[in-house]
Amino acid sequence: MNFMADFFSYVSSWSVLQWIVLVLIAGFIGQFGKMAAEAIAGKIHARREKKENLSDLLTKSSASHPSSIIEIPGKNF
């Protein structure tokens, strides 16, 4: 009977403590990985959005100014 009591006190104290520490470390690593992935995805999204906005601005500006020749009324060049 003494052996069983010693066994359960050993299992409950060290084994459970090791599992708790292991789960906490895994949770920390998982949370860090999630935040890193979100930061990388955010940077990629911002870069793509910036590129799209720049191309939209260039397209709009070239459409509003179709030629680089300035027309002066009454003057023929």
PDB file of N, CA and C in Angstrom:
ATOM      1  N   MET A   1       0.828  -1.191   0.000  1.00  0.00           N
ATOM      2  CA  MET A   1       0.000   0.000   0.000  1.00  0.00           C
ATOM      3  C   MET A   1       0.867   1.246   0.000  1.00  0.00           C
ATOM      4  N   ASN A   2       1.972   1.196   0.689  1.00  0.00           N
ATOM      5  CA  ASN A   2       2.869   2.342   0.745  1.00  0.00           C
ATOM      6  C   ASN A   2       3.457   2.633  -0.641  1.00  0.00           C
ATOM      7  N   PHE A   3       3.712   1.568  -1.407  1.00  0.00           N
ATOM      8  CA  PHE A   3       4.241   1.737  -2.752  1.00  0.00           C
ATOM      9  C   PHE A   3       3.264   2.511  -3.636  1.00  0.00           C
ATOM     10  N   MET A   4       1.961   2.196  -3.538  1.00  0.00           N
ATOM     11  CA  MET A   4       0.955   2.873  -4.357  1.00  0.00           C
ATOM     12  C   MET A   4       0.836   4.342  -3.972  1.00  0.00           C
ATOM     13  N   ALA A   5       0.892   4.630  -2.702  1.00  0.00           N
ATOM     14  CA  ALA A   5       0.798   6.025  -2.261  1.00  0.00           C
ATOM     15  C   ALA A   5       2.000   6.811  -2.746  1.00  0.00           C
ATOM     16  N   ASP A   6       3.190   6.209  -2.657  1.00  0.00           N
ATOM     17  CA  ASP A   6       4.394   6.883  -3.157  1.00  0.00           C
ATOM     18  C   ASP A   6       4.328   7.080  -4.679  1.00  0.00           C
ATOM     19  N   PHE A   7       3.818   6.054  -5.362  1.00  0.00           N
ATOM     20  CA  PHE A   7       3.717   6.141  -6.816  1.00  0.00           C
ATOM     21  C   PHE A   7       2.777   7.271  -7.238  1.00  0.00           C
ATOM     22  N   PHE A   8       1.607   7.354  -6.596  1.00  0.00           N
ATOM     23  CA  PHE A   8       0.659   8.404  -6.967  1.00  0.00           C
ATOM     24  C   PHE A   8       1.151   9.791  -6.581  1.00  0.00           C
ATOM     25  N   SER A   9       1.869   9.899  -5.489  1.00  0.00           N
ATOM     26  CA  SER A   9       2.405  11.216  -5.126  1.00  0.00           C
ATOM     27  C   SER A   9       3.506  11.620  -6.100  1.00  0.00           C
ATOM     28  N   TYR A  10       4.286  10.668  -6.589  1.00  0.00           N
ATOM     29  CA  TYR A  10       5.327  10.962  -7.577  1.00  0.00           C
ATOM     30  C   TYR A  10       4.698  11.362  -8.917  1.00  0.00           C
ATOM     31  N   VAL A  11       3.692  10.584  -9.348  1.00  0.00           N
ATOM     32  CA  VAL A  11       3.039  10.857 -10.626  1.00  0.00           C
ATOM     33  C   VAL A  11       2.304  12.191 -10.568  1.00  0.00           C
ATOM     34  N   SER A  12       1.596  12.440  -9.532  1.00  0.00           N
ATOM     35  CA  SER A  12       0.782  13.646  -9.472  1.00  0.00           C
ATOM     36  C   SER A  12       1.633  14.905  -9.362  1.00  0.00           C
ATOM     37  N   SER A  13       2.789  14.813  -8.694  1.00  0.00           N
ATOM     38  CA  SER A  13       3.565  16.037  -8.517  1.00  0.00           C
ATOM     39  C   SER A  13       4.443  16.350  -9.728  1.00  0.00           C
ATOM     40  N   TRP A  14       5.248  15.413 -10.196  1.00  0.00           N
ATOM     41  CA  TRP A  14       6.184  15.710 -11.273  1.00  0.00           C
ATOM     42  C   TRP A  14       5.575  15.598 -12.654  1.00  0.00           C
ATOM     43  N   SER A  15       4.839  14.558 -12.880  1.00  0.00           N
ATOM     44  CA  SER A  15       4.292  14.336 -14.203  1.00  0.00           C
ATOM     45  C   SER A  15       3.282  15.423 -14.581  1.00  0.00           C
ATOM     46  N   VAL A  16       2.403  15.746 -13.669  1.00  0.00           N
ATOM     47  CA  VAL A  16       1.407  16.780 -13.931  1.00  0.00           C
ATOM     48  C   VAL A  16       2.091  18.131 -14.103  1.00  0.00           C
ATOM     49  N   LEU A  17       3.068  18.422 -13.280  1.00  0.00           N
ATOM     50  CA  LEU A  17       3.792  19.687 -13.398  1.00  0.00           C
ATOM     51  C   LEU A  17       4.519  19.776 -14.737  1.00  0.00           C
ATOM     52  N   GLN A  18       5.123  18.683 -15.173  1.00  0.00           N
ATOM     53  CA  GLN A  18       5.803  18.686 -16.469  1.00  0.00           C
ATOM     54  C   GLN A  18       4.809  18.899 -17.608  1.00  0.00           C
ATOM     55  N   TRP A  19       3.648  18.265 -17.548  1.00  0.00           N
ATOM     56  CA  TRP A  19       2.649  18.448 -18.596  1.00  0.00           C
ATOM     57  C   TRP A  19       2.118  19.873 -18.622  1.00  0.00           C
ATOM     58  N   ILE A  20       1.925  20.448 -17.454  1.00  0.00           N
ATOM     59  CA  ILE A  20       1.444  21.839 -17.389  1.00  0.00           C
ATOM     60  C   ILE A  20       2.462  22.780 -18.022  1.00  0.00           C
ATOM     61  N   VAL A  21       3.724  22.587 -17.680  1.00  0.00           N
ATOM     62  CA  VAL A  21       4.782  23.430 -18.258  1.00  0.00           C
ATOM     63  C   VAL A  21       4.863  23.213 -19.768  1.00  0.00           C
ATOM     64  N   LEU A  22       4.759  21.970 -20.198  1.00  0.00           N
ATOM     65  CA  LEU A  22       4.805  21.667 -21.622  1.00  0.00           C
ATOM     66  C   LEU A  22       3.650  22.323 -22.371  1.00  0.00           C
ATOM     67  N   VAL A  23       2.458  22.274 -21.819  1.00  0.00           N
ATOM     68  CA  VAL A  23       1.293  22.884 -22.456  1.00  0.00           C
ATOM     69  C   VAL A  23       1.436  24.406 -22.496  1.00  0.00           C
ATOM     70  N   LEU A  24       1.932  25.002 -21.440  1.00  0.00           N
ATOM     71  CA  LEU A  24       2.138  26.455 -21.420  1.00  0.00           C
ATOM     72  C   LEU A  24       3.179  26.881 -22.457  1.00  0.00           C
ATOM     73  N   ILE A  25       4.255  26.128 -22.565  1.00  0.00           N
ATOM     74  CA  ILE A  25       5.285  26.451 -23.563  1.00  0.00           C
ATOM     75  C   ILE A  25       4.719  26.304 -24.974  1.00  0.00           C
ATOM     76  N   ALA A  26       3.967  25.239 -25.217  1.00  0.00           N
ATOM     77  CA  ALA A  26       3.364  25.039 -26.541  1.00  0.00           C
ATOM     78  C   ALA A  26       2.373  26.154 -26.860  1.00  0.00           C
ATOM     79  N   GLY A  27       1.607  26.574 -25.875  1.00  0.00           N
ATOM     80  CA  GLY A  27       0.669  27.682 -26.080  1.00  0.00           C
ATOM     81  C   GLY A  27       1.388  28.984 -26.384  1.00  0.00           C
ATOM     82  N   PHE A  28       2.482  29.230 -25.699  1.00  0.00           N
ATOM     83  CA  PHE A  28       3.270  30.440 -25.960  1.00  0.00           C
ATOM     84  C   PHE A  28       3.835  30.417 -27.371  1.00  0.00           C
ATOM     85  N   ILE A  29       4.399  29.278 -27.773  1.00  0.00           N
ATOM     86  CA  ILE A  29       4.960  29.154 -29.116  1.00  0.00           C
ATOM     87  C   ILE A  29       3.854  29.303 -30.166  1.00  0.00           C
ATOM     88  N   GLY A  30       2.708  28.694 -29.921  1.00  0.00           N
ATOM     89  CA  GLY A  30       1.590  28.800 -30.859  1.00  0.00           C
ATOM     90  C   GLY A  30       1.087  30.229 -30.994  1.00  0.00           C
ATOM     91  N   GLN A  31       0.962  30.928 -29.882  1.00  0.00           N
ATOM     92  CA  GLN A  31       0.498  32.311 -29.917  1.00  0.00           C
ATOM     93  C   GLN A  31       1.515  33.202 -30.618  1.00  0.00           C
ATOM     94  N   PHE A  32       2.780  32.978 -30.351  1.00  0.00           N
ATOM     95  CA  PHE A  32       3.827  33.752 -31.014  1.00  0.00           C
ATOM     96  C   PHE A  32       3.807  33.502 -32.519  1.00  0.00           C
ATOM     97  N   GLY A  33       3.635  32.254 -32.908  1.00  0.00           N
ATOM     98  CA  GLY A  33       3.561  31.918 -34.327  1.00  0.00           C
ATOM     99  C   GLY A  33       2.355  32.547 -34.999  1.00  0.00           C
ATOM    100  N   LYS A  34       1.228  32.554 -34.301  1.00  0.00           N
ATOM    101  CA  LYS A  34       0.019  33.162 -34.848  1.00  0.00           C
ATOM    102  C   LYS A  34       0.218  34.662 -35.054  1.00  0.00           C
ATOM    103  N   MET A  35       0.781  35.324 -34.072  1.00  0.00           N
ATOM    104  CA  MET A  35       1.008  36.772 -34.185  1.00  0.00           C
ATOM    105  C   MET A  35       2.023  37.083 -35.280  1.00  0.00           C
ATOM    106  N   ALA A  36       3.050  36.258 -35.402  1.00  0.00           N
ATOM    107  CA  ALA A  36       4.045  36.474 -36.459  1.00  0.00           C
ATOM    108  C   ALA A  36       3.411  36.284 -37.829  1.00  0.00           C
ATOM    109  N   ALA A  37       2.573  35.266 -37.979  1.00  0.00           N
ATOM    110  CA  ALA A  37       1.905  35.021 -39.260  1.00  0.00           C
ATOM    111  C   ALA A  37       0.952  36.160 -39.609  1.00  0.00           C
ATOM    112  N   GLU A  38       0.228  36.680 -38.625  1.00  0.00           N
ATOM    113  CA  GLU A  38      -0.669  37.812 -38.874  1.00  0.00           C
ATOM    114  C   GLU A  38       0.112  39.058 -39.262  1.00  0.00           C
ATOM    115  N   ALA A  39       1.252  39.281 -38.628  1.00  0.00           N
ATOM    116  CA  ALA A  39       2.073  40.448 -38.969  1.00  0.00           C
ATOM    117  C   ALA A  39       2.614  40.335 -40.388  1.00  0.00           C
ATOM    118  N   ILE A  40       3.072  39.151 -40.763  1.00  0.00           N
ATOM    119  CA  ILE A  40       3.595  38.951 -42.122  1.00  0.00           C
ATOM    120  C   ILE A  40       2.473  39.121 -43.140  1.00  0.00           C
ATOM    121  N   ALA A  41       1.308  38.539 -42.860  1.00  0.00           N
ATOM    122  CA  ALA A  41       0.173  38.670 -43.785  1.00  0.00           C
ATOM    123  C   ALA A  41      -0.271  40.126 -43.892  1.00  0.00           C
ATOM    124  N   GLY A  42      -0.237  40.858 -42.794  1.00  0.00           N
ATOM    125  CA  GLY A  42      -0.597  42.277 -42.821  1.00  0.00           C
ATOM    126  C   GLY A  42       0.358  43.097 -43.663  1.00  0.00           C
ATOM    127  N   LYS A  43       1.651  42.802 -43.553  1.00  0.00           N
ATOM    128  CA  LYS A  43       2.637  43.518 -44.372  1.00  0.00           C
ATOM    129  C   LYS A  43       2.444  43.217 -45.845  1.00  0.00           C
ATOM    130  N   ILE A  44       2.187  41.959 -46.173  1.00  0.00           N
ATOM    131  CA  ILE A  44       1.964  41.589 -47.578  1.00  0.00           C
ATOM    132  C   ILE A  44       0.708  42.268 -48.106  1.00  0.00           C
ATOM    133  N   HIS A  45      -0.348  42.283 -47.304  1.00  0.00           N
ATOM    134  CA  HIS A  45      -1.594  42.919 -47.716  1.00  0.00           C
ATOM    135  C   HIS A  45      -1.395  44.423 -47.921  1.00  0.00           C
ATOM    136  N   ALA A  46      -0.684  45.068 -47.012  1.00  0.00           N
ATOM    137  CA  ALA A  46      -0.436  46.508 -47.144  1.00  0.00           C
ATOM    138  C   ALA A  46       0.402  46.806 -48.379  1.00  0.00           C
ATOM    139  N   ARG A  47       1.388  45.972 -48.649  1.00  0.00           N
ATOM    140  CA  ARG A  47       2.240  46.171 -49.820  1.00  0.00           C
ATOM    141  C   ARG A  47       1.436  46.020 -51.109  1.00  0.00           C
ATOM    142  N   ARG A  48       0.580  45.006 -51.167  1.00  0.00           N
ATOM    143  CA  ARG A  48      -0.255  44.802 -52.358  1.00  0.00           C
ATOM    144  C   ARG A  48      -1.249  45.945 -52.532  1.00  0.00           C
ATOM    145  N   GLU A  49      -1.844  46.388 -51.423  1.00  0.00           N
ATOM    146  CA  GLU A  49      -2.807  47.485 -51.485  1.00  0.00           C
ATOM    147  C   GLU A  49      -2.128  48.774 -51.956  1.00  0.00           C
ATOM    148  N   LYS A  50      -0.930  49.020 -51.472  1.00  0.00           N
ATOM    149  CA  LYS A  50      -0.185  50.204 -51.888  1.00  0.00           C
ATOM    150  C   LYS A  50       0.125  50.146 -53.383  1.00  0.00           C
ATOM    151  N   LYS A  51       0.516  48.951 -53.851  1.00  0.00           N
ATOM    152  CA  LYS A  51       0.827  48.783 -55.268  1.00  0.00           C
ATOM    153  C   LYS A  51      -0.426  48.998 -56.123  1.00  0.00           C
ATOM    154  N   GLU A  52      -1.574  48.473 -55.678  1.00  0.00           N
ATOM    155  CA  GLU A  52      -2.821  48.654 -56.419  1.00  0.00           C
ATOM    156  C   GLU A  52      -3.240  50.121 -56.435  1.00  0.00           C
ATOM    157  N   ASN A  53      -3.104  50.804 -55.299  1.00  0.00           N
ATOM    158  CA  ASN A  53      -3.469  52.225 -55.243  1.00  0.00           C
ATOM    159  C   ASN A  53      -2.567  53.048 -56.159  1.00  0.00           C
ATOM    160  N   LEU A  54      -1.307  52.713 -56.207  1.00  0.00           N
ATOM    161  CA  LEU A  54      -0.373  53.437 -57.062  1.00  0.00           C
ATOM    162  C   LEU A  54      -0.719  53.214 -58.531  1.00  0.00           C
ATOM    163  N   SER A  55      -1.026  51.981 -58.901  1.00  0.00           N
ATOM    164  CA  SER A  55      -1.385  51.712 -60.297  1.00  0.00           C
ATOM    165  C   SER A  55      -2.714  52.373 -60.651  1.00  0.00           C
ATOM    166  N   ASP A  56      -3.658  52.436 -59.707  1.00  0.00           N
ATOM    167  CA  ASP A  56      -4.925  53.128 -59.954  1.00  0.00           C
ATOM    168  C   ASP A  56      -4.692  54.618 -60.176  1.00  0.00           C
ATOM    169  N   LEU A  57      -3.819  55.212 -59.375  1.00  0.00           N
ATOM    170  CA  LEU A  57      -3.521  56.638 -59.530  1.00  0.00           C
ATOM    171  C   LEU A  57      -2.862  56.910 -60.875  1.00  0.00           C
ATOM    172  N   LEU A  58      -1.953  56.046 -61.276  1.00  0.00           N
ATOM    173  CA  LEU A  58      -1.295  56.235 -62.567  1.00  0.00           C
ATOM    174  C   LEU A  58      -2.282  56.075 -63.714  1.00  0.00           C
ATOM    175  N   THR A  59      -3.180  55.130 -63.596  1.00  0.00           N
ATOM    176  CA  THR A  59      -4.184  54.916 -64.641  1.00  0.00           C
ATOM    177  C   THR A  59      -5.122  56.108 -64.724  1.00  0.00           C
ATOM    178  N   LYS A  60      -5.566  56.625 -63.599  1.00  0.00           N
ATOM    179  CA  LYS A  60      -6.477  57.775 -63.586  1.00  0.00           C
ATOM    180  C   LYS A  60      -5.787  59.021 -64.124  1.00  0.00           C
ATOM    181  N   SER A  61      -4.536  59.242 -63.751  1.00  0.00           N
ATOM    182  CA  SER A  61      -3.847  60.449 -64.203  1.00  0.00           C
ATOM    183  C   SER A  61      -3.561  60.382 -65.692  1.00  0.00           C
ATOM    184  N   SER A  62      -3.253  59.206 -66.232  1.00  0.00           N
ATOM    185  CA  SER A  62      -3.001  59.109 -67.667  1.00  0.00           C
ATOM    186  C   SER A  62      -4.301  59.213 -68.448  1.00  0.00           C
ATOM    187  N   ALA A  63      -5.425  58.809 -67.877  1.00  0.00           N
ATOM    188  CA  ALA A  63      -6.714  58.929 -68.556  1.00  0.00           C
ATOM    189  C   ALA A  63      -7.193  60.370 -68.575  1.00  0.00           C
ATOM    190  N   SER A  64      -6.893  61.128 -67.535  1.00  0.00           N
ATOM    191  CA  SER A  64      -7.338  62.519 -67.492  1.00  0.00           C
ATOM    192  C   SER A  64      -6.448  63.413 -68.339  1.00  0.00           C
ATOM    193  N   HIS A  65      -5.214  63.017 -68.618  1.00  0.00           N
ATOM    194  CA  HIS A  65      -4.287  63.763 -69.463  1.00  0.00           C
ATOM    195  C   HIS A  65      -3.826  62.853 -70.592  1.00  0.00           C
ATOM    196  N   PRO A  66      -4.632  62.736 -71.647  1.00  0.00           N
ATOM    197  CA  PRO A  66      -4.289  61.764 -72.685  1.00  0.00           C
ATOM    198  C   PRO A  66      -3.058  62.124 -73.486  1.00  0.00           C
ATOM    199  N   SER A  67      -2.748  63.381 -73.600  1.00  0.00           N
ATOM    200  CA  SER A  67      -1.559  63.742 -74.367  1.00  0.00           C
ATOM    201  C   SER A  67      -0.741  64.748 -73.574  1.00  0.00           C
ATOM    202  N   SER A  68       0.494  64.853 -73.949  1.00  0.00           N
ATOM    203  CA  SER A  68       1.357  65.792 -73.249  1.00  0.00           C
ATOM    204  C   SER A  68       1.448  67.121 -73.985  1.00  0.00           C
ATOM    205  N   ILE A  69       0.723  67.291 -75.086  1.00  0.00           N
ATOM    206  CA  ILE A  69       0.744  68.539 -75.855  1.00  0.00           C
ATOM    207  C   ILE A  69      -0.302  69.474 -75.292  1.00  0.00           C
ATOM    208  N   ILE A  70       0.103  70.673 -75.022  1.00  0.00           N
ATOM    209  CA  ILE A  70      -0.806  71.683 -74.499  1.00  0.00           C
ATOM    210  C   ILE A  70      -1.435  72.409 -75.685  1.00  0.00           C
ATOM    211  N   GLU A  71      -2.741  72.471 -75.679  1.00  0.00           N
ATOM    212  CA  GLU A  71      -3.445  73.161 -76.762  1.00  0.00           C
ATOM    213  C   GLU A  71      -3.754  74.570 -76.323  1.00  0.00           C
ATOM    214  N   ILE A  72      -3.382  75.522 -77.181  1.00  0.00           N
ATOM    215  CA  ILE A  72      -3.677  76.928 -76.924  1.00  0.00           C
ATOM    216  C   ILE A  72      -4.703  77.358 -77.963  1.00  0.00           C
ATOM    217  N   PRO A  73      -5.841  77.861 -77.483  1.00  0.00           N
ATOM    218  CA  PRO A  73      -6.881  78.266 -78.447  1.00  0.00           C
ATOM    219  C   PRO A  73      -6.361  79.363 -79.393  1.00  0.00           C
ATOM    220  N   GLY A  74      -6.652  79.215 -80.682  1.00  0.00           N
ATOM    221  CA  GLY A  74      -6.259  80.205 -81.661  1.00  0.00           C
ATOM    222  C   GLY A  74      -4.852  80.024 -82.186  1.00  0.00           C
ATOM    223  N   LYS A  75      -4.108  79.129 -81.701  1.00  0.00           N
ATOM    224  CA  LYS A  75      -2.741  78.889 -82.166  1.00  0.00           C
ATOM    225  C   LYS A  75      -2.667  77.523 -82.824  1.00  0.00           C
ATOM    226  N   ASN A  76      -2.103  77.432 -83.960  1.00  0.00           N
ATOM    227  CA  ASN A  76      -1.885  76.161 -84.634  1.00  0.00           C
ATOM    228  C   ASN A  76      -0.379  75.883 -84.677  1.00  0.00           C
ATOM    229  N   PHE A  77      -0.023  74.720 -84.237  1.00  0.00           N
ATOM    230  CA  PHE A  77       1.402  74.360 -84.226  1.00  0.00           C
ATOM    231  C   PHE A  77       1.686  73.372 -85.291  1.00  0.00           C
TER     232      PHE A  77
END
